Amino acid sequence: MMTSMQEDLVMETLRSVVDPELGINIVDLGLIYKVEVNDGNVQINMTLTSPGCPVGAVIQGQCHQAAKKLPWVKEVNCKLVWSPRWDPKTMASEDARMELGIL
């Protein structure tokens, strides 16, 4: 029960990370696939808008830094995954889709 609250806090913290090309945070874009917290260790499964994303390493580093700011976090592992492939039509929030002109 405590863990899901911690996972929610990590997700909320990750909203501070903005995709510099799109100007929308990575949570609303649907780039965060999974957050798991186990005894202060945070595992983040995330993707990028494309495998060739030129700012991928920057976004991954910002995710790590954002999660590490939470006082109870010991370790953070941001893992890039490519499956399922990111699709803004189904994975981005309604607000993000409106900003991207997809609605």
PDB file of N, CA and C in Angstrom:
ATOM      1  N   MET A   1       0.821  -1.204   0.000  1.00  0.00           N
ATOM      2  CA  MET A   1       0.000   0.000   0.000  1.00  0.00           C
ATOM      3  C   MET A   1       0.853   1.252   0.000  1.00  0.00           C
ATOM      4  N   MET A   2       1.935   1.259   0.769  1.00  0.00           N
ATOM      5  CA  MET A   2       2.837   2.404   0.795  1.00  0.00           C
ATOM      6  C   MET A   2       3.500   2.573  -0.573  1.00  0.00           C
ATOM      7  N   THR A   3       3.824   1.464  -1.187  1.00  0.00           N
ATOM      8  CA  THR A   3       4.542   1.508  -2.458  1.00  0.00           C
ATOM      9  C   THR A   3       3.750   2.235  -3.540  1.00  0.00           C
ATOM     10  N   SER A   4       2.439   1.964  -3.648  1.00  0.00           N
ATOM     11  CA  SER A   4       1.685   2.604  -4.719  1.00  0.00           C
ATOM     12  C   SER A   4       1.646   4.125  -4.517  1.00  0.00           C
ATOM     13  N   MET A   5       1.617   4.573  -3.271  1.00  0.00           N
ATOM     14  CA  MET A   5       1.669   6.004  -3.004  1.00  0.00           C
ATOM     15  C   MET A   5       3.039   6.551  -3.441  1.00  0.00           C
ATOM     16  N   GLN A   6       4.099   5.791  -3.164  1.00  0.00           N
ATOM     17  CA  GLN A   6       5.438   6.210  -3.567  1.00  0.00           C
ATOM     18  C   GLN A   6       5.551   6.233  -5.090  1.00  0.00           C
ATOM     19  N   GLU A   7       4.966   5.248  -5.753  1.00  0.00           N
ATOM     20  CA  GLU A   7       4.993   5.217  -7.214  1.00  0.00           C
ATOM     21  C   GLU A   7       4.261   6.426  -7.789  1.00  0.00           C
ATOM     22  N   ASP A   8       3.140   6.792  -7.169  1.00  0.00           N
ATOM     23  CA  ASP A   8       2.410   7.989  -7.593  1.00  0.00           C
ATOM     24  C   ASP A   8       3.267   9.249  -7.416  1.00  0.00           C
ATOM     25  N   LEU A   9       4.012   9.307  -6.303  1.00  0.00           N
ATOM     26  CA  LEU A   9       4.887  10.462  -6.060  1.00  0.00           C
ATOM     27  C   LEU A   9       5.992  10.540  -7.103  1.00  0.00           C
ATOM     28  N   VAL A  10       6.557   9.401  -7.472  1.00  0.00           N
ATOM     29  CA  VAL A  10       7.592   9.387  -8.511  1.00  0.00           C
ATOM     30  C   VAL A  10       6.991   9.880  -9.824  1.00  0.00           C
ATOM     31  N   MET A  11       5.815   9.384 -10.179  1.00  0.00           N
ATOM     32  CA  MET A  11       5.159   9.823 -11.421  1.00  0.00           C
ATOM     33  C   MET A  11       4.936  11.336 -11.402  1.00  0.00           C
ATOM     34  N   GLU A  12       4.472  11.842 -10.272  1.00  0.00           N
ATOM     35  CA  GLU A  12       4.212  13.279 -10.163  1.00  0.00           C
ATOM     36  C   GLU A  12       5.516  14.057 -10.324  1.00  0.00           C
ATOM     37  N   THR A  13       6.589  13.567  -9.727  1.00  0.00           N
ATOM     38  CA  THR A  13       7.902  14.210  -9.838  1.00  0.00           C
ATOM     39  C   THR A  13       8.397  14.197 -11.279  1.00  0.00           C
ATOM     40  N   LEU A  14       8.112  13.102 -12.002  1.00  0.00           N
ATOM     41  CA  LEU A  14       8.567  12.985 -13.393  1.00  0.00           C
ATOM     42  C   LEU A  14       7.859  13.968 -14.323  1.00  0.00           C
ATOM     43  N   ARG A  15       6.754  14.556 -13.857  1.00  0.00           N
ATOM     44  CA  ARG A  15       6.065  15.570 -14.656  1.00  0.00           C
ATOM     45  C   ARG A  15       6.942  16.816 -14.862  1.00  0.00           C
ATOM     46  N   SER A  16       7.977  16.955 -14.033  1.00  0.00           N
ATOM     47  CA  SER A  16       8.882  18.105 -14.172  1.00  0.00           C
ATOM     48  C   SER A  16       9.831  17.935 -15.362  1.00  0.00           C
ATOM     49  N   VAL A  17       9.894  16.712 -15.915  1.00  0.00           N
ATOM     50  CA  VAL A  17      10.775  16.451 -17.061  1.00  0.00           C
ATOM     51  C   VAL A  17       9.986  16.705 -18.346  1.00  0.00           C
ATOM     52  N   VAL A  18      10.456  17.658 -19.130  1.00  0.00           N
ATOM     53  CA  VAL A  18       9.749  18.081 -20.345  1.00  0.00           C
ATOM     54  C   VAL A  18      10.558  17.666 -21.568  1.00  0.00           C
ATOM     55  N   ASP A  19       9.883  17.067 -22.539  1.00  0.00           N
ATOM     56  CA  ASP A  19      10.532  16.745 -23.804  1.00  0.00           C
ATOM     57  C   ASP A  19      10.880  18.073 -24.476  1.00  0.00           C
ATOM     58  N   PRO A  20      12.179  18.366 -24.672  1.00  0.00           N
ATOM     59  CA  PRO A  20      12.554  19.681 -25.198  1.00  0.00           C
ATOM     60  C   PRO A  20      12.078  19.933 -26.626  1.00  0.00           C
ATOM     61  N   GLU A  21      11.854  18.887 -27.396  1.00  0.00           N
ATOM     62  CA  GLU A  21      11.394  19.079 -28.770  1.00  0.00           C
ATOM     63  C   GLU A  21       9.900  19.382 -28.830  1.00  0.00           C
ATOM     64  N   LEU A  22       9.131  18.750 -27.929  1.00  0.00           N
ATOM     65  CA  LEU A  22       7.672  18.907 -27.962  1.00  0.00           C
ATOM     66  C   LEU A  22       7.150  19.895 -26.923  1.00  0.00           C
ATOM     67  N   GLY A  23       7.937  20.170 -25.887  1.00  0.00           N
ATOM     68  CA  GLY A  23       7.524  21.111 -24.851  1.00  0.00           C
ATOM     69  C   GLY A  23       6.419  20.584 -23.951  1.00  0.00           C
ATOM     70  N   ILE A  24       6.288  19.253 -23.862  1.00  0.00           N
ATOM     71  CA  ILE A  24       5.260  18.617 -23.035  1.00  0.00           C
ATOM     72  C   ILE A  24       5.965  17.645 -22.094  1.00  0.00           C
ATOM     73  N   ASN A  25       5.456  17.533 -20.858  1.00  0.00           N
ATOM     74  CA  ASN A  25       6.140  16.641 -19.918  1.00  0.00           C
ATOM     75  C   ASN A  25       5.988  15.173 -20.335  1.00  0.00           C
ATOM     76  N   ILE A  26       6.962  14.378 -19.927  1.00  0.00           N
ATOM     77  CA  ILE A  26       7.047  12.988 -20.392  1.00  0.00           C
ATOM     78  C   ILE A  26       5.941  12.095 -19.847  1.00  0.00           C
ATOM     79  N   VAL A  27       5.353  12.472 -18.714  1.00  0.00           N
ATOM     80  CA  VAL A  27       4.243  11.676 -18.167  1.00  0.00           C
ATOM     81  C   VAL A  27       3.010  11.857 -19.050  1.00  0.00           C
ATOM     82  N   ASP A  28       2.682  13.125 -19.363  1.00  0.00           N
ATOM     83  CA  ASP A  28       1.518  13.387 -20.216  1.00  0.00           C
ATOM     84  C   ASP A  28       1.720  12.848 -21.626  1.00  0.00           C
ATOM     85  N   LEU A  29       2.965  12.808 -22.076  1.00  0.00           N
ATOM     86  CA  LEU A  29       3.242  12.241 -23.405  1.00  0.00           C
ATOM     87  C   LEU A  29       3.054  10.723 -23.425  1.00  0.00           C
ATOM     88  N   GLY A  30       3.032  10.102 -22.235  1.00  0.00           N
ATOM     89  CA  GLY A  30       2.883   8.648 -22.173  1.00  0.00           C
ATOM     90  C   GLY A  30       4.205   7.915 -22.346  1.00  0.00           C
ATOM     91  N   LEU A  31       5.313   8.596 -22.088  1.00  0.00           N
ATOM     92  CA  LEU A  31       6.626   7.975 -22.263  1.00  0.00           C
ATOM     93  C   LEU A  31       7.054   7.134 -21.054  1.00  0.00           C
ATOM     94  N   ILE A  32       6.355   7.279 -19.924  1.00  0.00           N
ATOM     95  CA  ILE A  32       6.672   6.464 -18.745  1.00  0.00           C
ATOM     96  C   ILE A  32       5.747   5.255 -18.762  1.00  0.00           C
ATOM     97  N   TYR A  33       6.326   4.082 -18.938  1.00  0.00           N
ATOM     98  CA  TYR A  33       5.534   2.854 -19.032  1.00  0.00           C
ATOM     99  C   TYR A  33       5.281   2.222 -17.676  1.00  0.00           C
ATOM    100  N   LYS A  34       6.276   2.314 -16.771  1.00  0.00           N
ATOM    101  CA  LYS A  34       6.097   1.657 -15.474  1.00  0.00           C
ATOM    102  C   LYS A  34       7.029   2.285 -14.451  1.00  0.00           C
ATOM    103  N   VAL A  35       6.518   2.417 -13.219  1.00  0.00           N
ATOM    104  CA  VAL A  35       7.335   2.843 -12.087  1.00  0.00           C
ATOM    105  C   VAL A  35       7.131   1.813 -10.992  1.00  0.00           C
ATOM    106  N   GLU A  36       8.228   1.279 -10.496  1.00  0.00           N
ATOM    107  CA  GLU A  36       8.171   0.338  -9.372  1.00  0.00           C
ATOM    108  C   GLU A  36       9.089   0.854  -8.280  1.00  0.00           C
ATOM    109  N   VAL A  37       8.585   0.791  -7.043  1.00  0.00           N
ATOM    110  CA  VAL A  37       9.393   1.191  -5.898  1.00  0.00           C
ATOM    111  C   VAL A  37       9.492   0.001  -4.967  1.00  0.00           C
ATOM    112  N   ASN A  38      10.719  -0.335  -4.599  1.00  0.00           N
ATOM    113  CA  ASN A  38      10.943  -1.451  -3.695  1.00  0.00           C
ATOM    114  C   ASN A  38      12.020  -1.042  -2.697  1.00  0.00           C
ATOM    115  N   ASP A  39      11.608  -0.760  -1.458  1.00  0.00           N
ATOM    116  CA  ASP A  39      12.540  -0.419  -0.387  1.00  0.00           C
ATOM    117  C   ASP A  39      13.437   0.763  -0.769  1.00  0.00           C
ATOM    118  N   GLY A  40      12.842   1.786  -1.356  1.00  0.00           N
ATOM    119  CA  GLY A  40      13.604   2.981  -1.707  1.00  0.00           C
ATOM    120  C   GLY A  40      14.324   2.909  -3.043  1.00  0.00           C
ATOM    121  N   ASN A  41      14.268   1.752  -3.694  1.00  0.00           N
ATOM    122  CA  ASN A  41      14.867   1.600  -5.020  1.00  0.00           C
ATOM    123  C   ASN A  41      13.781   1.789  -6.071  1.00  0.00           C
ATOM    124  N   VAL A  42      14.032   2.667  -7.029  1.00  0.00           N
ATOM    125  CA  VAL A  42      13.040   3.026  -8.030  1.00  0.00           C
ATOM    126  C   VAL A  42      13.466   2.482  -9.390  1.00  0.00           C
ATOM    127  N   GLN A  43      12.572   1.740 -10.012  1.00  0.00           N
ATOM    128  CA  GLN A  43      12.773   1.238 -11.375  1.00  0.00           C
ATOM    129  C   GLN A  43      11.777   1.961 -12.267  1.00  0.00           C
ATOM    130  N   ILE A  44      12.286   2.668 -13.272  1.00  0.00           N
ATOM    131  CA  ILE A  44      11.438   3.387 -14.218  1.00  0.00           C
ATOM    132  C   ILE A  44      11.648   2.775 -15.595  1.00  0.00           C
ATOM    133  N   ASN A  45      10.575   2.260 -16.182  1.00  0.00           N
ATOM    134  CA  ASN A  45      10.621   1.811 -17.578  1.00  0.00           C
ATOM    135  C   ASN A  45      10.026   2.926 -18.413  1.00  0.00           C
ATOM    136  N   MET A  46      10.800   3.395 -19.353  1.00  0.00           N
ATOM    137  CA  MET A  46      10.369   4.533 -20.157  1.00  0.00           C
ATOM    138  C   MET A  46      10.767   4.311 -21.608  1.00  0.00           C
ATOM    139  N   THR A  47      10.172   5.102 -22.468  1.00  0.00           N
ATOM    140  CA  THR A  47      10.537   5.065 -23.875  1.00  0.00           C
ATOM    141  C   THR A  47      10.767   6.492 -24.342  1.00  0.00           C
ATOM    142  N   LEU A  48      11.078   6.635 -25.602  1.00  0.00           N
ATOM    143  CA  LEU A  48      11.259   7.950 -26.209  1.00  0.00           C
ATOM    144  C   LEU A  48      10.316   8.061 -27.393  1.00  0.00           C
ATOM    145  N   THR A  49      10.165   9.258 -27.914  1.00  0.00           N
ATOM    146  CA  THR A  49       9.248   9.442 -29.040  1.00  0.00           C
ATOM    147  C   THR A  49       9.725   8.680 -30.269  1.00  0.00           C
ATOM    148  N   SER A  50      11.044   8.450 -30.368  1.00  0.00           N
ATOM    149  CA  SER A  50      11.590   7.631 -31.460  1.00  0.00           C
ATOM    150  C   SER A  50      12.929   7.060 -31.017  1.00  0.00           C
ATOM    151  N   PRO A  51      13.314   5.895 -31.556  1.00  0.00           N
ATOM    152  CA  PRO A  51      14.603   5.299 -31.177  1.00  0.00           C
ATOM    153  C   PRO A  51      15.791   6.217 -31.478  1.00  0.00           C
ATOM    154  N   GLY A  52      15.662   7.089 -32.467  1.00  0.00           N
ATOM    155  CA  GLY A  52      16.752   7.997 -32.803  1.00  0.00           C
ATOM    156  C   GLY A  52      16.665   9.347 -32.127  1.00  0.00           C
ATOM    157  N   CYS A  53      15.868   9.448 -31.089  1.00  0.00           N
ATOM    158  CA  CYS A  53      15.647  10.724 -30.396  1.00  0.00           C
ATOM    159  C   CYS A  53      16.989  11.339 -29.978  1.00  0.00           C
ATOM    160  N   PRO A  54      17.314  12.535 -30.503  1.00  0.00           N
ATOM    161  CA  PRO A  54      18.618  13.137 -30.217  1.00  0.00           C
ATOM    162  C   PRO A  54      18.802  13.568 -28.765  1.00  0.00           C
ATOM    163  N   VAL A  55      17.714  13.725 -28.031  1.00  0.00           N
ATOM    164  CA  VAL A  55      17.824  14.160 -26.632  1.00  0.00           C
ATOM    165  C   VAL A  55      17.484  13.021 -25.659  1.00  0.00           C
ATOM    166  N   GLY A  56      17.528  11.796 -26.139  1.00  0.00           N
ATOM    167  CA  GLY A  56      17.180  10.648 -25.312  1.00  0.00           C
ATOM    168  C   GLY A  56      17.992  10.544 -24.035  1.00  0.00           C
ATOM    169  N   ALA A  57      19.304  10.689 -24.142  1.00  0.00           N
ATOM    170  CA  ALA A  57      20.166  10.575 -22.963  1.00  0.00           C
ATOM    171  C   ALA A  57      19.881  11.699 -21.976  1.00  0.00           C
ATOM    172  N   VAL A  58      19.571  12.884 -22.494  1.00  0.00           N
ATOM    173  CA  VAL A  58      19.250  14.030 -21.635  1.00  0.00           C
ATOM    174  C   VAL A  58      17.959  13.756 -20.862  1.00  0.00           C
ATOM    175  N   ILE A  59      16.931  13.292 -21.560  1.00  0.00           N
ATOM    176  CA  ILE A  59      15.650  12.998 -20.911  1.00  0.00           C
ATOM    177  C   ILE A  59      15.826  11.900 -19.868  1.00  0.00           C
ATOM    178  N   GLN A  60      16.571  10.862 -20.209  1.00  0.00           N
ATOM    179  CA  GLN A  60      16.815   9.769 -19.273  1.00  0.00           C
ATOM    180  C   GLN A  60      17.536  10.292 -18.020  1.00  0.00           C
ATOM    181  N   GLY A  61      18.522  11.161 -18.211  1.00  0.00           N
ATOM    182  CA  GLY A  61      19.246  11.742 -17.079  1.00  0.00           C
ATOM    183  C   GLY A  61      18.348  12.617 -16.217  1.00  0.00           C
ATOM    184  N   GLN A  62      17.460  13.379 -16.869  1.00  0.00           N
ATOM    185  CA  GLN A  62      16.537  14.238 -16.116  1.00  0.00           C
ATOM    186  C   GLN A  62      15.555  13.398 -15.299  1.00  0.00           C
ATOM    187  N   CYS A  63      15.129  12.257 -15.853  1.00  0.00           N
ATOM    188  CA  CYS A  63      14.247  11.342 -15.112  1.00  0.00           C
ATOM    189  C   CYS A  63      14.948  10.858 -13.852  1.00  0.00           C
ATOM    190  N   HIS A  64      16.184  10.442 -14.024  1.00  0.00           N
ATOM    191  CA  HIS A  64      16.978   9.945 -12.895  1.00  0.00           C
ATOM    192  C   HIS A  64      17.100  11.019 -11.821  1.00  0.00           C
ATOM    193  N   GLN A  65      17.464  12.244 -12.238  1.00  0.00           N
ATOM    194  CA  GLN A  65      17.635  13.342 -11.281  1.00  0.00           C
ATOM    195  C   GLN A  65      16.330  13.695 -10.578  1.00  0.00           C
ATOM    196  N   ALA A  66      15.229  13.713 -11.326  1.00  0.00           N
ATOM    197  CA  ALA A  66      13.930  14.077 -10.740  1.00  0.00           C
ATOM    198  C   ALA A  66      13.542  13.071  -9.659  1.00  0.00           C
ATOM    199  N   ALA A  67      13.646  11.774  -9.972  1.00  0.00           N
ATOM    200  CA  ALA A  67      13.267  10.742  -8.998  1.00  0.00           C
ATOM    201  C   ALA A  67      14.195  10.774  -7.789  1.00  0.00           C
ATOM    202  N   LYS A  68      15.470  11.062  -8.015  1.00  0.00           N
ATOM    203  CA  LYS A  68      16.467  11.059  -6.936  1.00  0.00           C
ATOM    204  C   LYS A  68      16.214  12.186  -5.941  1.00  0.00           C
ATOM    205  N   LYS A  69      15.453  13.219  -6.347  1.00  0.00           N
ATOM    206  CA  LYS A  69      15.166  14.349  -5.454  1.00  0.00           C
ATOM    207  C   LYS A  69      14.248  13.954  -4.296  1.00  0.00           C
ATOM    208  N   LEU A  70      13.477  12.878  -4.483  1.00  0.00           N
ATOM    209  CA  LEU A  70      12.586  12.450  -3.398  1.00  0.00           C
ATOM    210  C   LEU A  70      13.449  11.926  -2.248  1.00  0.00           C
ATOM    211  N   PRO A  71      13.184  12.402  -1.019  1.00  0.00           N
ATOM    212  CA  PRO A  71      14.101  12.126   0.103  1.00  0.00           C
ATOM    213  C   PRO A  71      14.259  10.637   0.461  1.00  0.00           C
ATOM    214  N   TRP A  72      13.288   9.815   0.175  1.00  0.00           N
ATOM    215  CA  TRP A  72      13.355   8.403   0.559  1.00  0.00           C
ATOM    216  C   TRP A  72      13.930   7.514  -0.533  1.00  0.00           C
ATOM    217  N   VAL A  73      14.266   8.101  -1.673  1.00  0.00           N
ATOM    218  CA  VAL A  73      14.795   7.311  -2.788  1.00  0.00           C
ATOM    219  C   VAL A  73      16.281   7.035  -2.583  1.00  0.00           C
ATOM    220  N   LYS A  74      16.642   5.744  -2.668  1.00  0.00           N
ATOM    221  CA  LYS A  74      18.047   5.344  -2.531  1.00  0.00           C
ATOM    222  C   LYS A  74      18.712   5.235  -3.902  1.00  0.00           C
ATOM    223  N   GLU A  75      18.141   4.423  -4.757  1.00  0.00           N
ATOM    224  CA  GLU A  75      18.703   4.184  -6.087  1.00  0.00           C
ATOM    225  C   GLU A  75      17.622   4.382  -7.137  1.00  0.00           C
ATOM    226  N   VAL A  76      18.034   4.825  -8.333  1.00  0.00           N
ATOM    227  CA  VAL A  76      17.102   4.998  -9.449  1.00  0.00           C
ATOM    228  C   VAL A  76      17.695   4.309 -10.673  1.00  0.00           C
ATOM    229  N   ASN A  77      16.876   3.506 -11.338  1.00  0.00           N
ATOM    230  CA  ASN A  77      17.282   2.883 -12.591  1.00  0.00           C
ATOM    231  C   ASN A  77      16.247   3.254 -13.648  1.00  0.00           C
ATOM    232  N   CYS A  78      16.671   4.040 -14.635  1.00  0.00           N
ATOM    233  CA  CYS A  78      15.792   4.429 -15.742  1.00  0.00           C
ATOM    234  C   CYS A  78      16.135   3.547 -16.942  1.00  0.00           C
ATOM    235  N   LYS A  79      15.245   2.628 -17.235  1.00  0.00           N
ATOM    236  CA  LYS A  79      15.490   1.670 -18.315  1.00  0.00           C
ATOM    237  C   LYS A  79      14.699   2.075 -19.555  1.00  0.00           C
ATOM    238  N   LEU A  80      15.399   2.182 -20.679  1.00  0.00           N
ATOM    239  CA  LEU A  80      14.734   2.473 -21.948  1.00  0.00           C
ATOM    240  C   LEU A  80      14.172   1.191 -22.536  1.00  0.00           C
ATOM    241  N   VAL A  81      12.908   1.221 -22.875  1.00  0.00           N
ATOM    242  CA  VAL A  81      12.270   0.069 -23.521  1.00  0.00           C
ATOM    243  C   VAL A  81      11.613   0.550 -24.813  1.00  0.00           C
ATOM    244  N   TRP A  82      11.543  -0.326 -25.778  1.00  0.00           N
ATOM    245  CA  TRP A  82      10.985   0.054 -27.086  1.00  0.00           C
ATOM    246  C   TRP A  82       9.713  -0.710 -27.408  1.00  0.00           C
ATOM    247  N   SER A  83       9.252  -1.511 -26.455  1.00  0.00           N
ATOM    248  CA  SER A  83       8.031  -2.278 -26.683  1.00  0.00           C
ATOM    249  C   SER A  83       7.117  -2.085 -25.481  1.00  0.00           C
ATOM    250  N   PRO A  84       5.879  -1.673 -25.665  1.00  0.00           N
ATOM    251  CA  PRO A  84       5.278  -1.385 -26.970  1.00  0.00           C
ATOM    252  C   PRO A  84       5.830  -0.083 -27.536  1.00  0.00           C
ATOM    253  N   ARG A  85       5.767   0.028 -28.831  1.00  0.00           N
ATOM    254  CA  ARG A  85       6.219   1.248 -29.496  1.00  0.00           C
ATOM    255  C   ARG A  85       5.312   2.414 -29.087  1.00  0.00           C
ATOM    256  N   TRP A  86       5.919   3.572 -28.825  1.00  0.00           N
ATOM    257  CA  TRP A  86       5.151   4.734 -28.375  1.00  0.00           C
ATOM    258  C   TRP A  86       4.210   5.210 -29.472  1.00  0.00           C
ATOM    259  N   ASP A  87       2.962   5.427 -29.081  1.00  0.00           N
ATOM    260  CA  ASP A  87       1.954   5.930 -30.008  1.00  0.00           C
ATOM    261  C   ASP A  87       1.202   7.071 -29.325  1.00  0.00           C
ATOM    262  N   PRO A  88       1.433   8.306 -29.749  1.00  0.00           N
ATOM    263  CA  PRO A  88       0.804   9.439 -29.068  1.00  0.00           C
ATOM    264  C   PRO A  88      -0.718   9.404 -29.121  1.00  0.00           C
ATOM    265  N   LYS A  89      -1.292   8.734 -30.123  1.00  0.00           N
ATOM    266  CA  LYS A  89      -2.754   8.678 -30.228  1.00  0.00           C
ATOM    267  C   LYS A  89      -3.376   7.916 -29.070  1.00  0.00           C
ATOM    268  N   THR A  90      -2.659   6.920 -28.542  1.00  0.00           N
ATOM    269  CA  THR A  90      -3.230   6.094 -27.476  1.00  0.00           C
ATOM    270  C   THR A  90      -2.533   6.285 -26.134  1.00  0.00           C
ATOM    271  N   MET A  91      -1.295   6.780 -26.134  1.00  0.00           N
ATOM    272  CA  MET A  91      -0.534   6.842 -24.889  1.00  0.00           C
ATOM    273  C   MET A  91      -0.457   8.227 -24.270  1.00  0.00           C
ATOM    274  N   ALA A  92      -0.590   9.261 -25.066  1.00  0.00           N
ATOM    275  CA  ALA A  92      -0.507  10.627 -24.539  1.00  0.00           C
ATOM    276  C   ALA A  92      -1.835  11.011 -23.883  1.00  0.00           C
ATOM    277  N   SER A  93      -1.747  11.904 -22.903  1.00  0.00           N
ATOM    278  CA  SER A  93      -2.957  12.382 -22.239  1.00  0.00           C
ATOM    279  C   SER A  93      -3.770  13.216 -23.228  1.00  0.00           C
ATOM    280  N   GLU A  94      -5.015  13.457 -22.880  1.00  0.00           N
ATOM    281  CA  GLU A  94      -5.883  14.256 -23.756  1.00  0.00           C
ATOM    282  C   GLU A  94      -5.295  15.649 -23.980  1.00  0.00           C
ATOM    283  N   ASP A  95      -4.775  16.260 -22.902  1.00  0.00           N
ATOM    284  CA  ASP A  95      -4.164  17.597 -23.031  1.00  0.00           C
ATOM    285  C   ASP A  95      -2.969  17.565 -23.973  1.00  0.00           C
ATOM    286  N   ALA A  96      -2.135  16.534 -23.832  1.00  0.00           N
ATOM    287  CA  ALA A  96      -0.948  16.429 -24.690  1.00  0.00           C
ATOM    288  C   ALA A  96      -1.364  16.213 -26.139  1.00  0.00           C
ATOM    289  N   ARG A  97      -2.386  15.388 -26.360  1.00  0.00           N
ATOM    290  CA  ARG A  97      -2.855  15.150 -27.737  1.00  0.00           C
ATOM    291  C   ARG A  97      -3.379  16.449 -28.343  1.00  0.00           C
ATOM    292  N   MET A  98      -4.071  17.250 -27.535  1.00  0.00           N
ATOM    293  CA  MET A  98      -4.571  18.541 -28.038  1.00  0.00           C
ATOM    294  C   MET A  98      -3.388  19.441 -28.429  1.00  0.00           C
ATOM    295  N   GLU A  99      -2.368  19.484 -27.565  1.00  0.00           N
ATOM    296  CA  GLU A  99      -1.196  20.319 -27.859  1.00  0.00           C
ATOM    297  C   GLU A  99      -0.479  19.841 -29.108  1.00  0.00           C
ATOM    298  N   LEU A 100      -0.472  18.525 -29.324  1.00  0.00           N
ATOM    299  CA  LEU A 100       0.194  17.956 -30.505  1.00  0.00           C
ATOM    300  C   LEU A 100      -0.681  18.033 -31.747  1.00  0.00           C
ATOM    301  N   GLY A 101      -1.935  18.438 -31.566  1.00  0.00           N
ATOM    302  CA  GLY A 101      -2.860  18.554 -32.691  1.00  0.00           C
ATOM    303  C   GLY A 101      -3.381  17.211 -33.177  1.00  0.00           C
ATOM    304  N   ILE A 102      -3.486  16.235 -32.270  1.00  0.00           N
ATOM    305  CA  ILE A 102      -3.898  14.881 -32.670  1.00  0.00           C
ATOM    306  C   ILE A 102      -5.415  14.667 -32.521  1.00  0.00           C
ATOM    307  N   LEU A 103      -6.075  15.425 -31.653  1.00  0.00           N
ATOM    308  CA  LEU A 103      -7.506  15.185 -31.410  1.00  0.00           C
ATOM    309  C   LEU A 103      -8.363  15.529 -32.599  1.00  0.00           C
TER     310      LEU A 103
END
